[in-house]
Amino acid sequence: RSPSQLPAVITDHSRVTQAILDFVSQIPDSAVEGS
């Protein structure tokens, strides 16, 4: 499809931007020990 025919979830950059910001705002804990 052309971009104009794609669902809004794809063409709305703000949703992807917010998802990125949500991810980097919290750092996952790790159970890995120093090697």
All heavy atoms as atom14 arrays in JSON, in Angstrom:
{
  "sequence": "RSPSQLPAVITDHSRVTQAILDFVSQIPDSAVEGS",
  "atom14_mask": [
    [1, 1, 1, 1, 1, 1, 1, 1, 1, 1, 1, 0, 0, 0],
    [1, 1, 1, 1, 1, 1, 0, 0, 0, 0, 0, 0, 0, 0],
    [1, 1, 1, 1, 1, 1, 1, 0, 0, 0, 0, 0, 0, 0],
    [1, 1, 1, 1, 1, 1, 0, 0, 0, 0, 0, 0, 0, 0],
    [1, 1, 1, 1, 1, 1, 1, 1, 1, 0, 0, 0, 0, 0],
    [1, 1, 1, 1, 1, 1, 1, 1, 0, 0, 0, 0, 0, 0],
    [1, 1, 1, 1, 1, 1, 1, 0, 0, 0, 0, 0, 0, 0],
    [1, 1, 1, 1, 1, 0, 0, 0, 0, 0, 0, 0, 0, 0],
    [1, 1, 1, 1, 1, 1, 1, 0, 0, 0, 0, 0, 0, 0],
    [1, 1, 1, 1, 1, 1, 1, 1, 0, 0, 0, 0, 0, 0],
    [1, 1, 1, 1, 1, 1, 1, 0, 0, 0, 0, 0, 0, 0],
    [1, 1, 1, 1, 1, 1, 1, 1, 0, 0, 0, 0, 0, 0],
    [1, 1, 1, 1, 1, 1, 1, 1, 1, 1, 0, 0, 0, 0],
    [1, 1, 1, 1, 1, 1, 0, 0, 0, 0, 0, 0, 0, 0],
    [1, 1, 1, 1, 1, 1, 1, 1, 1, 1, 1, 0, 0, 0],
    [1, 1, 1, 1, 1, 1, 1, 0, 0, 0, 0, 0, 0, 0],
    [1, 1, 1, 1, 1, 1, 1, 0, 0, 0, 0, 0, 0, 0],
    [1, 1, 1, 1, 1, 1, 1, 1, 1, 0, 0, 0, 0, 0],
    [1, 1, 1, 1, 1, 0, 0, 0, 0, 0, 0, 0, 0, 0],
    [1, 1, 1, 1, 1, 1, 1, 1, 0, 0, 0, 0, 0, 0],
    [1, 1, 1, 1, 1, 1, 1, 1, 0, 0, 0, 0, 0, 0],
    [1, 1, 1, 1, 1, 1, 1, 1, 0, 0, 0, 0, 0, 0],
    [1, 1, 1, 1, 1, 1, 1, 1, 1, 1, 1, 0, 0, 0],
    [1, 1, 1, 1, 1, 1, 1, 0, 0, 0, 0, 0, 0, 0],
    [1, 1, 1, 1, 1, 1, 0, 0, 0, 0, 0, 0, 0, 0],
    [1, 1, 1, 1, 1, 1, 1, 1, 1, 0, 0, 0, 0, 0],
    [1, 1, 1, 1, 1, 1, 1, 1, 0, 0, 0, 0, 0, 0],
    [1, 1, 1, 1, 1, 1, 1, 0, 0, 0, 0, 0, 0, 0],
    [1, 1, 1, 1, 1, 1, 1, 1, 0, 0, 0, 0, 0, 0],
    [1, 1, 1, 1, 1, 1, 0, 0, 0, 0, 0, 0, 0, 0],
    [1, 1, 1, 1, 1, 0, 0, 0, 0, 0, 0, 0, 0, 0],
    [1, 1, 1, 1, 1, 1, 1, 0, 0, 0, 0, 0, 0, 0],
    [1, 1, 1, 1, 1, 1, 1, 1, 1, 0, 0, 0, 0, 0],
    [1, 1, 1, 1, 0, 0, 0, 0, 0, 0, 0, 0, 0, 0],
    [1, 1, 1, 1, 1, 1, 0, 0, 0, 0, 0, 0, 0, 0]
  ],
  "atom14_positions": [
    [[0.83, -1.2, 0.0], [0.0, 0.0, 0.0], [0.86, 1.25, 0.0], [2.01, 1.22, 0.43], [-0.89, 0.02, 1.26], [-1.9, -1.12, 1.32], [-2.73, -0.97, 2.57], [-3.79, -1.95, 2.62], [-4.75, -1.96, 3.54], [-4.76, -1.04, 4.49], [-5.69, -2.87, 3.53], [0.0, 0.0, 0.0], [0.0, 0.0, 0.0], [0.0, 0.0, 0.0]],
    [[0.3, 2.35, -0.43], [0.98, 3.64, -0.32], [0.85, 4.12, 1.1], [-0.04, 3.68, 1.84], [0.33, 4.66, -1.27], [-0.98, 4.94, -0.83], [0.0, 0.0, 0.0], [0.0, 0.0, 0.0], [0.0, 0.0, 0.0], [0.0, 0.0, 0.0], [0.0, 0.0, 0.0], [0.0, 0.0, 0.0], [0.0, 0.0, 0.0], [0.0, 0.0, 0.0]],
    [[1.73, 5.05, 1.57], [1.67, 5.52, 2.93], [0.3, 6.06, 3.32], [-0.11, 5.92, 4.47], [2.76, 6.62, 2.97], [3.74, 6.17, 1.94], [2.92, 5.56, 0.85], [0.0, 0.0, 0.0], [0.0, 0.0, 0.0], [0.0, 0.0, 0.0], [0.0, 0.0, 0.0], [0.0, 0.0, 0.0], [0.0, 0.0, 0.0], [0.0, 0.0, 0.0]],
    [[-0.41, 6.69, 2.39], [-1.72, 7.26, 2.71], [-2.76, 6.19, 2.99], [-3.8, 6.46, 3.58], [-2.2, 8.16, 1.57], [-2.36, 7.39, 0.39], [0.0, 0.0, 0.0], [0.0, 0.0, 0.0], [0.0, 0.0, 0.0], [0.0, 0.0, 0.0], [0.0, 0.0, 0.0], [0.0, 0.0, 0.0], [0.0, 0.0, 0.0], [0.0, 0.0, 0.0]],
    [[-2.49, 4.94, 2.56], [-3.44, 3.86, 2.76], [-3.11, 3.01, 3.98], [-3.86, 2.1, 4.31], [-3.46, 2.96, 1.52], [-3.97, 3.65, 0.26], [-3.83, 2.74, -0.95], [-2.75, 2.23, -1.23], [-4.92, 2.52, -1.64], [0.0, 0.0, 0.0], [0.0, 0.0, 0.0], [0.0, 0.0, 0.0], [0.0, 0.0, 0.0], [0.0, 0.0, 0.0]],
    [[-2.0, 3.29, 4.63], [-1.58, 2.48, 5.75], [-2.33, 2.88, 7.02], [-2.72, 4.03, 7.17], [-0.08, 2.63, 5.99], [0.81, 2.24, 4.8], [2.26, 2.42, 5.17], [0.54, 0.81, 4.37], [0.0, 0.0, 0.0], [0.0, 0.0, 0.0], [0.0, 0.0, 0.0], [0.0, 0.0, 0.0], [0.0, 0.0, 0.0], [0.0, 0.0, 0.0]],
    [[-2.5, 1.93, 7.96], [-3.15, 2.25, 9.22], [-2.41, 3.36, 9.95], [-1.19, 3.5, 9.84], [-3.07, 0.93, 10.0], [-2.95, -0.12, 8.93], [-2.15, 0.52, 7.84], [0.0, 0.0, 0.0], [0.0, 0.0, 0.0], [0.0, 0.0, 0.0], [0.0, 0.0, 0.0], [0.0, 0.0, 0.0], [0.0, 0.0, 0.0], [0.0, 0.0, 0.0]],
    [[-3.16, 4.13, 10.76], [-2.56, 5.26, 11.47], [-1.46, 4.81, 12.42], [-0.53, 5.56, 12.71], [-3.64, 6.01, 12.26], [0.0, 0.0, 0.0], [0.0, 0.0, 0.0], [0.0, 0.0, 0.0], [0.0, 0.0, 0.0], [0.0, 0.0, 0.0], [0.0, 0.0, 0.0], [0.0, 0.0, 0.0], [0.0, 0.0, 0.0], [0.0, 0.0, 0.0]],
    [[-1.52, 3.57, 12.9], [-0.5, 3.09, 13.82], [0.87, 3.08, 13.16], [1.9, 3.17, 13.82], [-0.86, 1.66, 14.31], [-0.74, 0.65, 13.19], [0.0, 1.26, 15.49], [0.0, 0.0, 0.0], [0.0, 0.0, 0.0], [0.0, 0.0, 0.0], [0.0, 0.0, 0.0], [0.0, 0.0, 0.0], [0.0, 0.0, 0.0], [0.0, 0.0, 0.0]],
    [[0.92, 3.04, 11.82], [2.18, 3.04, 11.1], [2.63, 4.45, 10.76], [3.79, 4.81, 10.91], [2.07, 2.22, 9.8], [1.65, 0.79, 10.12], [3.38, 2.21, 9.04], [2.59, 0.07, 11.02], [0.0, 0.0, 0.0], [0.0, 0.0, 0.0], [0.0, 0.0, 0.0], [0.0, 0.0, 0.0], [0.0, 0.0, 0.0], [0.0, 0.0, 0.0]],
    [[1.72, 5.29, 10.28], [2.09, 6.6, 9.78], [2.19, 7.66, 10.87], [2.69, 8.75, 10.62], [1.08, 7.06, 8.71], [-0.24, 7.04, 9.27], [1.11, 6.13, 7.51], [0.0, 0.0, 0.0], [0.0, 0.0, 0.0], [0.0, 0.0, 0.0], [0.0, 0.0, 0.0], [0.0, 0.0, 0.0], [0.0, 0.0, 0.0], [0.0, 0.0, 0.0]],
    [[1.71, 7.39, 12.07], [1.78, 8.36, 13.16], [3.11, 8.22, 13.88], [3.29, 7.34, 14.72], [0.61, 8.13, 14.13], [0.56, 9.17, 15.23], [1.42, 10.08, 15.23], [-0.34, 9.09, 16.09], [0.0, 0.0, 0.0], [0.0, 0.0, 0.0], [0.0, 0.0, 0.0], [0.0, 0.0, 0.0], [0.0, 0.0, 0.0], [0.0, 0.0, 0.0]],
    [[4.07, 9.1, 13.54], [5.41, 9.02, 14.14], [5.37, 9.21, 15.65], [6.23, 8.68, 16.36], [6.31, 10.09, 13.53], [6.48, 9.95, 12.04], [6.86, 10.99, 11.24], [6.29, 8.89, 11.22], [6.92, 10.58, 9.98], [6.58, 9.32, 9.95], [0.0, 0.0, 0.0], [0.0, 0.0, 0.0], [0.0, 0.0, 0.0], [0.0, 0.0, 0.0]],
    [[4.4, 9.97, 16.15], [4.37, 10.29, 17.57], [4.19, 9.04, 18.42], [4.7, 8.97, 19.54], [3.25, 11.29, 17.88], [1.98, 10.73, 17.62], [0.0, 0.0, 0.0], [0.0, 0.0, 0.0], [0.0, 0.0, 0.0], [0.0, 0.0, 0.0], [0.0, 0.0, 0.0], [0.0, 0.0, 0.0], [0.0, 0.0, 0.0], [0.0, 0.0, 0.0]],
    [[3.48, 8.05, 17.92], [3.28, 6.83, 18.69], [4.58, 6.04, 18.8], [4.89, 5.47, 19.85], [2.18, 5.97, 18.06], [0.84, 6.67, 18.01], [-0.26, 5.77, 17.47], [-0.53, 4.65, 18.37], [-1.51, 3.78, 18.16], [-2.28, 3.89, 17.09], [-1.71, 2.79, 19.01], [0.0, 0.0, 0.0], [0.0, 0.0, 0.0], [0.0, 0.0, 0.0]],
    [[5.34, 6.02, 17.74], [6.64, 5.35, 17.77], [7.6, 6.13, 18.67], [8.34, 5.54, 19.46], [7.22, 5.21, 16.35], [8.6, 4.55, 16.4], [6.28, 4.4, 15.46], [0.0, 0.0, 0.0], [0.0, 0.0, 0.0], [0.0, 0.0, 0.0], [0.0, 0.0, 0.0], [0.0, 0.0, 0.0], [0.0, 0.0, 0.0], [0.0, 0.0, 0.0]],
    [[7.58, 7.47, 18.56], [8.42, 8.31, 19.4], [8.15, 8.08, 20.87], [9.07, 7.92, 21.68], [8.19, 9.8, 19.06], [8.58, 10.04, 17.71], [9.01, 10.69, 19.99], [0.0, 0.0, 0.0], [0.0, 0.0, 0.0], [0.0, 0.0, 0.0], [0.0, 0.0, 0.0], [0.0, 0.0, 0.0], [0.0, 0.0, 0.0], [0.0, 0.0, 0.0]],
    [[6.87, 8.04, 21.24], [6.52, 7.84, 22.65], [6.95, 6.46, 23.13], [7.41, 6.3, 24.26], [5.01, 8.02, 22.85], [4.6, 8.05, 24.32], [5.31, 9.14, 25.11], [5.32, 10.31, 24.7], [5.94, 8.77, 26.21], [0.0, 0.0, 0.0], [0.0, 0.0, 0.0], [0.0, 0.0, 0.0], [0.0, 0.0, 0.0], [0.0, 0.0, 0.0]],
    [[6.82, 5.47, 22.26], [7.25, 4.12, 22.63], [8.75, 4.09, 22.9], [9.2, 3.43, 23.84], [6.9, 3.13, 21.51], [0.0, 0.0, 0.0], [0.0, 0.0, 0.0], [0.0, 0.0, 0.0], [0.0, 0.0, 0.0], [0.0, 0.0, 0.0], [0.0, 0.0, 0.0], [0.0, 0.0, 0.0], [0.0, 0.0, 0.0], [0.0, 0.0, 0.0]],
    [[9.52, 4.82, 22.1], [10.96, 4.9, 22.3], [11.29, 5.56, 23.64], [12.11, 5.06, 24.42], [11.63, 5.67, 21.15], [11.53, 4.87, 19.85], [13.1, 5.97, 21.48], [11.96, 5.64, 18.62], [0.0, 0.0, 0.0], [0.0, 0.0, 0.0], [0.0, 0.0, 0.0], [0.0, 0.0, 0.0], [0.0, 0.0, 0.0], [0.0, 0.0, 0.0]],
    [[10.64, 6.68, 23.93], [10.88, 7.4, 25.17], [10.51, 6.56, 26.39], [11.19, 6.59, 27.41], [10.1, 8.71, 25.18], [10.6, 9.78, 24.2], [9.62, 10.94, 24.12], [11.99, 10.28, 24.61], [0.0, 0.0, 0.0], [0.0, 0.0, 0.0], [0.0, 0.0, 0.0], [0.0, 0.0, 0.0], [0.0, 0.0, 0.0], [0.0, 0.0, 0.0]],
    [[9.42, 5.81, 26.27], [9.01, 4.93, 27.38], [10.08, 3.88, 27.65], [10.35, 3.55, 28.81], [7.68, 4.25, 27.05], [6.5, 5.22, 27.08], [6.65, 6.33, 27.63], [5.44, 4.87, 26.52], [0.0, 0.0, 0.0], [0.0, 0.0, 0.0], [0.0, 0.0, 0.0], [0.0, 0.0, 0.0], [0.0, 0.0, 0.0], [0.0, 0.0, 0.0]],
    [[10.69, 3.36, 26.59], [11.68, 2.31, 26.76], [12.95, 2.81, 27.42], [13.5, 2.12, 28.28], [12.01, 1.66, 25.41], [11.32, 0.34, 25.25], [10.12, 0.25, 24.59], [11.86, -0.79, 25.82], [9.47, -0.97, 24.49], [11.22, -2.0, 25.72], [10.02, -2.09, 25.05], [0.0, 0.0, 0.0], [0.0, 0.0, 0.0], [0.0, 0.0, 0.0]],
    [[13.42, 3.96, 27.02], [14.7, 4.42, 27.55], [14.56, 5.1, 28.89], [15.56, 5.42, 29.53], [15.41, 5.37, 26.55], [15.68, 4.65, 25.24], [14.6, 6.64, 26.32], [0.0, 0.0, 0.0], [0.0, 0.0, 0.0], [0.0, 0.0, 0.0], [0.0, 0.0, 0.0], [0.0, 0.0, 0.0], [0.0, 0.0, 0.0], [0.0, 0.0, 0.0]],
    [[13.33, 5.34, 29.35], [13.14, 6.0, 30.64], [13.33, 5.04, 31.81], [13.54, 5.47, 32.94], [11.74, 6.63, 30.7], [10.74, 5.63, 30.65], [0.0, 0.0, 0.0], [0.0, 0.0, 0.0], [0.0, 0.0, 0.0], [0.0, 0.0, 0.0], [0.0, 0.0, 0.0], [0.0, 0.0, 0.0], [0.0, 0.0, 0.0], [0.0, 0.0, 0.0]],
    [[13.25, 3.74, 31.54], [13.42, 2.75, 32.6], [14.46, 1.72, 32.16], [14.28, 1.07, 31.12], [12.1, 2.06, 32.93], [11.04, 3.02, 33.5], [9.77, 2.29, 33.9], [9.55, 1.14, 33.49], [8.94, 2.94, 34.69], [0.0, 0.0, 0.0], [0.0, 0.0, 0.0], [0.0, 0.0, 0.0], [0.0, 0.0, 0.0], [0.0, 0.0, 0.0]],
    [[15.49, 1.56, 32.95], [16.56, 0.63, 32.62], [16.24, -0.73, 33.25], [16.04, -0.81, 34.47], [17.93, 1.13, 33.13], [18.19, 2.56, 32.61], [19.03, 0.17, 32.73], [18.2, 2.66, 31.11], [0.0, 0.0, 0.0], [0.0, 0.0, 0.0], [0.0, 0.0, 0.0], [0.0, 0.0, 0.0], [0.0, 0.0, 0.0], [0.0, 0.0, 0.0]],
    [[16.2, -1.8, 32.46], [15.89, -3.11, 33.03], [16.97, -3.57, 34.01], [18.15, -3.3, 33.82], [15.86, -4.03, 31.8], [15.71, -3.13, 30.62], [16.38, -1.85, 31.01], [0.0, 0.0, 0.0], [0.0, 0.0, 0.0], [0.0, 0.0, 0.0], [0.0, 0.0, 0.0], [0.0, 0.0, 0.0], [0.0, 0.0, 0.0], [0.0, 0.0, 0.0]],
    [[16.54, -4.26, 35.06], [17.5, -4.9, 35.96], [18.13, -6.09, 35.24], [17.6, -6.57, 34.23], [16.8, -5.37, 37.23], [16.33, -4.2, 38.08], [16.97, -3.14, 38.04], [15.31, -4.37, 38.79], [0.0, 0.0, 0.0], [0.0, 0.0, 0.0], [0.0, 0.0, 0.0], [0.0, 0.0, 0.0], [0.0, 0.0, 0.0], [0.0, 0.0, 0.0]],
    [[19.23, -6.57, 35.78], [19.89, -7.73, 35.19], [20.3, -8.71, 36.27], [20.75, -8.32, 37.35], [21.14, -7.31, 34.4], [21.82, -8.44, 33.9], [0.0, 0.0, 0.0], [0.0, 0.0, 0.0], [0.0, 0.0, 0.0], [0.0, 0.0, 0.0], [0.0, 0.0, 0.0], [0.0, 0.0, 0.0], [0.0, 0.0, 0.0], [0.0, 0.0, 0.0]],
    [[20.11, -9.99, 35.96], [20.54, -11.05, 36.88], [21.92, -11.57, 36.51], [22.44, -12.48, 37.16], [19.52, -12.19, 36.86], [0.0, 0.0, 0.0], [0.0, 0.0, 0.0], [0.0, 0.0, 0.0], [0.0, 0.0, 0.0], [0.0, 0.0, 0.0], [0.0, 0.0, 0.0], [0.0, 0.0, 0.0], [0.0, 0.0, 0.0], [0.0, 0.0, 0.0]],
    [[22.52, -11.01, 35.47], [23.84, -11.45, 35.02], [24.91, -10.9, 35.96], [24.87, -9.73, 36.34], [24.11, -10.98, 33.57], [25.54, -11.29, 33.16], [23.12, -11.63, 32.62], [0.0, 0.0, 0.0], [0.0, 0.0, 0.0], [0.0, 0.0, 0.0], [0.0, 0.0, 0.0], [0.0, 0.0, 0.0], [0.0, 0.0, 0.0], [0.0, 0.0, 0.0]],
    [[25.86, -11.75, 36.31], [26.96, -11.32, 37.17], [28.15, -10.89, 36.33], [28.29, -11.28, 35.17], [27.37, -12.47, 38.11], [26.26, -12.89, 39.07], [26.72, -13.98, 40.01], [27.87, -14.46, 39.86], [25.93, -14.36, 40.89], [0.0, 0.0, 0.0], [0.0, 0.0, 0.0], [0.0, 0.0, 0.0], [0.0, 0.0, 0.0], [0.0, 0.0, 0.0]],
    [[29.0, -10.07, 36.91], [30.2, -9.65, 36.22], [31.03, -10.86, 35.8], [31.17, -11.81, 36.57], [0.0, 0.0, 0.0], [0.0, 0.0, 0.0], [0.0, 0.0, 0.0], [0.0, 0.0, 0.0], [0.0, 0.0, 0.0], [0.0, 0.0, 0.0], [0.0, 0.0, 0.0], [0.0, 0.0, 0.0], [0.0, 0.0, 0.0], [0.0, 0.0, 0.0]],
    [[31.55, -10.82, 34.6], [32.27, -11.97, 34.05], [33.76, -11.69, 33.96], [34.19, -10.56, 33.73], [31.72, -12.3, 32.65], [32.48, -13.31, 32.03], [0.0, 0.0, 0.0], [0.0, 0.0, 0.0], [0.0, 0.0, 0.0], [0.0, 0.0, 0.0], [0.0, 0.0, 0.0], [0.0, 0.0, 0.0], [0.0, 0.0, 0.0], [0.0, 0.0, 0.0]]
  ]
}
